[in-house]
C-alpha atoms as a PDB file:
ATOM      1  CA  UNK A   1      92.701  92.711  59.841  1.00  0.00           C
ATOM      2  CA  UNK A   2      92.496  92.483  63.617  1.00  0.00           C
ATOM      3  CA  UNK A   3      95.115  93.956  65.925  1.00  0.00           C
ATOM      4  CA  UNK A   4      95.889  92.539  69.369  1.00  0.00           C
ATOM      5  CA  UNK A   5      96.135  95.322  71.953  1.00  0.00           C
ATOM      6  CA  UNK A   6      95.909  95.938  75.682  1.00  0.00           C
ATOM      7  CA  UNK A   7      92.325  95.777  76.953  1.00  0.00           C
ATOM      8  CA  UNK A   8      92.840  96.034  80.719  1.00  0.00           C
ATOM      9  CA  UNK A   9      95.647  96.116  83.250  1.00  0.00           C
ATOM     10  CA  UNK A  10      96.098  95.898  87.001  1.00  0.00           C
ATOM     11  CA  UNK A  11      99.405  97.699  87.483  1.00  0.00           C
ATOM     12  CA  UNK A  12     101.654  96.797  90.437  1.00  0.00           C
ATOM     13  CA  UNK A  13      99.401  94.767  92.699  1.00  0.00           C
ATOM     14  CA  UNK A  14     100.919  92.763  95.547  1.00  0.00           C
ATOM     15  CA  UNK A  15     100.703  88.964  95.619  1.00  0.00           C
ATOM     16  CA  UNK A  16      98.947  88.092  98.880  1.00  0.00           C
ATOM     17  CA  UNK A  17      99.255  84.302  98.793  1.00  0.00           C
ATOM     18  CA  UNK A  18     100.330  81.327  96.690  1.00  0.00           C
ATOM     19  CA  UNK A  19      98.767  77.858  96.660  1.00  0.00           C
ATOM     20  CA  UNK A  20     100.623  75.131  94.786  1.00  0.00           C
ATOM     21  CA  UNK A  21      97.926  72.447  95.256  1.00  0.00           C
ATOM     22  CA  UNK A  22      95.321  73.979  92.995  1.00  0.00           C
ATOM     23  CA  UNK A  23      94.631  73.351  89.293  1.00  0.00           C
ATOM     24  CA  UNK A  24      96.180  76.622  88.129  1.00  0.00           C
ATOM     25  CA  UNK A  25      95.034  80.225  87.714  1.00  0.00           C
ATOM     26  CA  UNK A  26      95.176  83.478  89.651  1.00  0.00           C
ATOM     27  CA  UNK A  27      92.531  84.595  92.135  1.00  0.00           C
ATOM     28  CA  UNK A  28      91.952  88.350  91.895  1.00  0.00           C
ATOM     29  CA  UNK A  29      89.724  90.593  94.019  1.00  0.00           C
ATOM     30  CA  UNK A  30      86.510  91.079  92.022  1.00  0.00           C
ATOM     31  CA  UNK A  31      86.697  94.854  92.512  1.00  0.00           C
ATOM     32  CA  UNK A  32      90.086  94.907  90.762  1.00  0.00           C
ATOM     33  CA  UNK A  33      88.820  92.698  87.934  1.00  0.00           C
ATOM     34  CA  UNK A  34      85.834  94.965  87.327  1.00  0.00           C
ATOM     35  CA  UNK A  35      87.906  98.148  87.469  1.00  0.00           C
ATOM     36  CA  UNK A  36      90.309  96.744  84.852  1.00  0.00           C
ATOM     37  CA  UNK A  37      87.527  95.341  82.650  1.00  0.00           C
ATOM     38  CA  UNK A  38      88.748  91.759  83.044  1.00  0.00           C
ATOM     39  CA  UNK A  39      86.013  89.120  83.077  1.00  0.00           C
ATOM     40  CA  UNK A  40      86.139  86.068  85.341  1.00  0.00           C
ATOM     41  CA  UNK A  41      88.011  83.209  83.624  1.00  0.00           C
ATOM     42  CA  UNK A  42      89.439  85.539  80.984  1.00  0.00           C
ATOM     43  CA  UNK A  43      93.098  85.061  80.035  1.00  0.00           C
ATOM     44  CA  UNK A  44      95.643  87.286  81.780  1.00  0.00           C
ATOM     45  CA  UNK A  45      99.390  87.698  81.400  1.00  0.00           C
ATOM     46  CA  UNK A  46     101.184  87.985  84.738  1.00  0.00           C
ATOM     47  CA  UNK A  47     104.478  89.855  84.899  1.00  0.00           C
ATOM     48  CA  UNK A  48     106.343  89.511  88.186  1.00  0.00           C
ATOM     49  CA  UNK A  49     108.116  92.843  88.722  1.00  0.00           C
ATOM     50  CA  UNK A  50     110.045  91.409  91.676  1.00  0.00           C
ATOM     51  CA  UNK A  51     111.795  88.564  89.845  1.00  0.00           C
ATOM     52  CA  UNK A  52     111.047  88.989  86.117  1.00  0.00           C
ATOM     53  CA  UNK A  53     108.920  85.853  85.655  1.00  0.00           C
ATOM     54  CA  UNK A  54     106.037  86.032  83.181  1.00  0.00           C
ATOM     55  CA  UNK A  55     103.235  83.574  82.510  1.00  0.00           C
ATOM     56  CA  UNK A  56      99.794  83.318  81.006  1.00  0.00           C
ATOM     57  CA  UNK A  57      96.840  81.959  82.987  1.00  0.00           C
ATOM     58  CA  UNK A  58      93.228  82.907  83.657  1.00  0.00           C
ATOM     59  CA  UNK A  59      91.557  85.102  86.269  1.00  0.00           C
ATOM     60  CA  UNK A  60      89.377  83.568  88.964  1.00  0.00           C
ATOM     61  CA  UNK A  61      87.187  85.962  90.945  1.00  0.00           C
ATOM     62  CA  UNK A  62      88.136  86.404  94.604  1.00  0.00           C
ATOM     63  CA  UNK A  63      85.842  88.087  97.129  1.00  0.00           C
ATOM     64  CA  UNK A  64      85.225  91.790  96.459  1.00  0.00           C
ATOM     65  CA  UNK A  65      87.126  94.059  98.828  1.00  0.00           C
ATOM     66  CA  UNK A  66      89.445  91.256  99.966  1.00  0.00           C
ATOM     67  CA  UNK A  67      92.531  92.624  98.239  1.00  0.00           C
ATOM     68  CA  UNK A  68      93.347  89.047  97.244  1.00  0.00           C
ATOM     69  CA  UNK A  69      95.861  88.310  94.511  1.00  0.00           C
ATOM     70  CA  UNK A  70      96.473  84.579  94.943  1.00  0.00           C
ATOM     71  CA  UNK A  71      98.692  82.751  92.460  1.00  0.00           C
ATOM     72  CA  UNK A  72      97.478  79.166  92.169  1.00  0.00           C
ATOM     73  CA  UNK A  73      98.843  75.877  90.861  1.00  0.00           C
ATOM     74  CA  UNK A  74     102.221  75.460  89.168  1.00  0.00           C
ATOM     75  CA  UNK A  75     102.531  79.233  88.752  1.00  0.00           C
ATOM     76  CA  UNK A  76     102.878  79.452  92.537  1.00  0.00           C
ATOM     77  CA  UNK A  77     106.483  78.291  92.089  1.00  0.00           C
ATOM     78  CA  UNK A  78     107.214  81.507  90.153  1.00  0.00           C
ATOM     79  CA  UNK A  79     105.612  83.984  92.579  1.00  0.00           C
ATOM     80  CA  UNK A  80     105.823  84.618  96.334  1.00  0.00           C
ATOM     81  CA  UNK A  81     103.649  86.589  98.746  1.00  0.00           C
ATOM     82  CA  UNK A  82     104.805  90.205  98.658  1.00  0.00           C
ATOM     83  CA  UNK A  83     105.900  90.094  95.001  1.00  0.00           C
ATOM     84  CA  UNK A  84     104.749  93.013  92.863  1.00  0.00           C
ATOM     85  CA  UNK A  85     102.822  91.893  89.780  1.00  0.00           C
ATOM     86  CA  UNK A  86     101.352  93.454  86.665  1.00  0.00           C
ATOM     87  CA  UNK A  87      98.297  91.626  85.272  1.00  0.00           C
ATOM     88  CA  UNK A  88      97.474  92.378  81.635  1.00  0.00           C
ATOM     89  CA  UNK A  89      94.589  91.368  79.429  1.00  0.00           C
ATOM     90  CA  UNK A  90      94.445  91.713  75.653  1.00  0.00           C
ATOM     91  CA  UNK A  91      91.742  91.714  72.972  1.00  0.00           C
ATOM     92  CA  UNK A  92      91.531  91.864  69.191  1.00  0.00           C
ATOM     93  CA  UNK A  93      90.338  95.115  67.633  1.00  0.00           C
ATOM     94  CA  UNK A  94      89.656  96.352  64.154  1.00  0.00           C
ATOM     95  CA  UNK A  95      91.770  99.393  63.231  1.00  0.00           C
ATOM     96  CA  UNK A  96      88.647 101.541  63.638  1.00  0.00           C
ATOM     97  CA  UNK A  97      87.905 100.149  67.116  1.00  0.00           C
ATOM     98  CA  UNK A  98      91.519 100.548  68.170  1.00  0.00           C
ATOM     99  CA  UNK A  99      91.604 104.188  67.060  1.00  0.00           C
ATOM    100  CA  UNK A 100      89.110 105.072  69.826  1.00  0.00           C
ATOM    101  CA  UNK A 101      89.955 102.349  72.367  1.00  0.00           C
ATOM    102  CA  UNK A 102      91.355 103.300  75.767  1.00  0.00           C
ATOM    103  CA  UNK A 103      92.548 100.414  77.949  1.00  0.00           C
ATOM    104  CA  UNK A 104      91.204 100.256  81.500  1.00  0.00           C
ATOM    105  CA  UNK A 105      94.150 100.567  83.875  1.00  0.00           C
ATOM    106  CA  UNK A 106      93.912 100.334  87.646  1.00  0.00           C
ATOM    107  CA  UNK A 107      96.837 101.078  89.981  1.00  0.00           C
ATOM    108  CA  UNK A 108      96.027  99.467  93.335  1.00  0.00           C
ATOM    109  CA  UNK A 109      97.226 100.841  96.654  1.00  0.00           C
ATOM    110  CA  UNK A 110      99.518  98.892  99.009  1.00  0.00           C
ATOM    111  CA  UNK A 111      96.587  96.712 100.134  1.00  0.00           C
ATOM    112  CA  UNK A 112      95.363  96.013  96.571  1.00  0.00           C
ATOM    113  CA  UNK A 113      92.501  98.435  97.065  1.00  0.00           C
ATOM    114  CA  UNK A 114      91.336 100.882  94.438  1.00  0.00           C
ATOM    115  CA  UNK A 115      92.454 104.404  95.376  1.00  0.00           C
ATOM    116  CA  UNK A 116      89.937 107.224  95.310  1.00  0.00           C
ATOM    117  CA  UNK A 117      90.644 109.667  92.485  1.00  0.00           C
END
């Protein structure tokens, strides 16, 4: 049996821009993607902390160090610049894999940068 569990999460990033005229996805700073273990074009669940909207889409790499979190396509109607968002990614694990798995979680700063520990 496989169990679906959290693989990676970008916790409380800030939406920097929305673009309605785009064929759908979310552009995310490559540094954030790497820190959370989310691959380009991998499925992500977006939870809008500001207004409660949730949707599933895929991650598109944005330039490293840009701080970009750009909601694209129809999803842009559910998010606005300045909204706080949680981006989650899931994977299937065997019970044995899950017993030792630790999700990668990144908590960006106010500019969507990765804080120094």
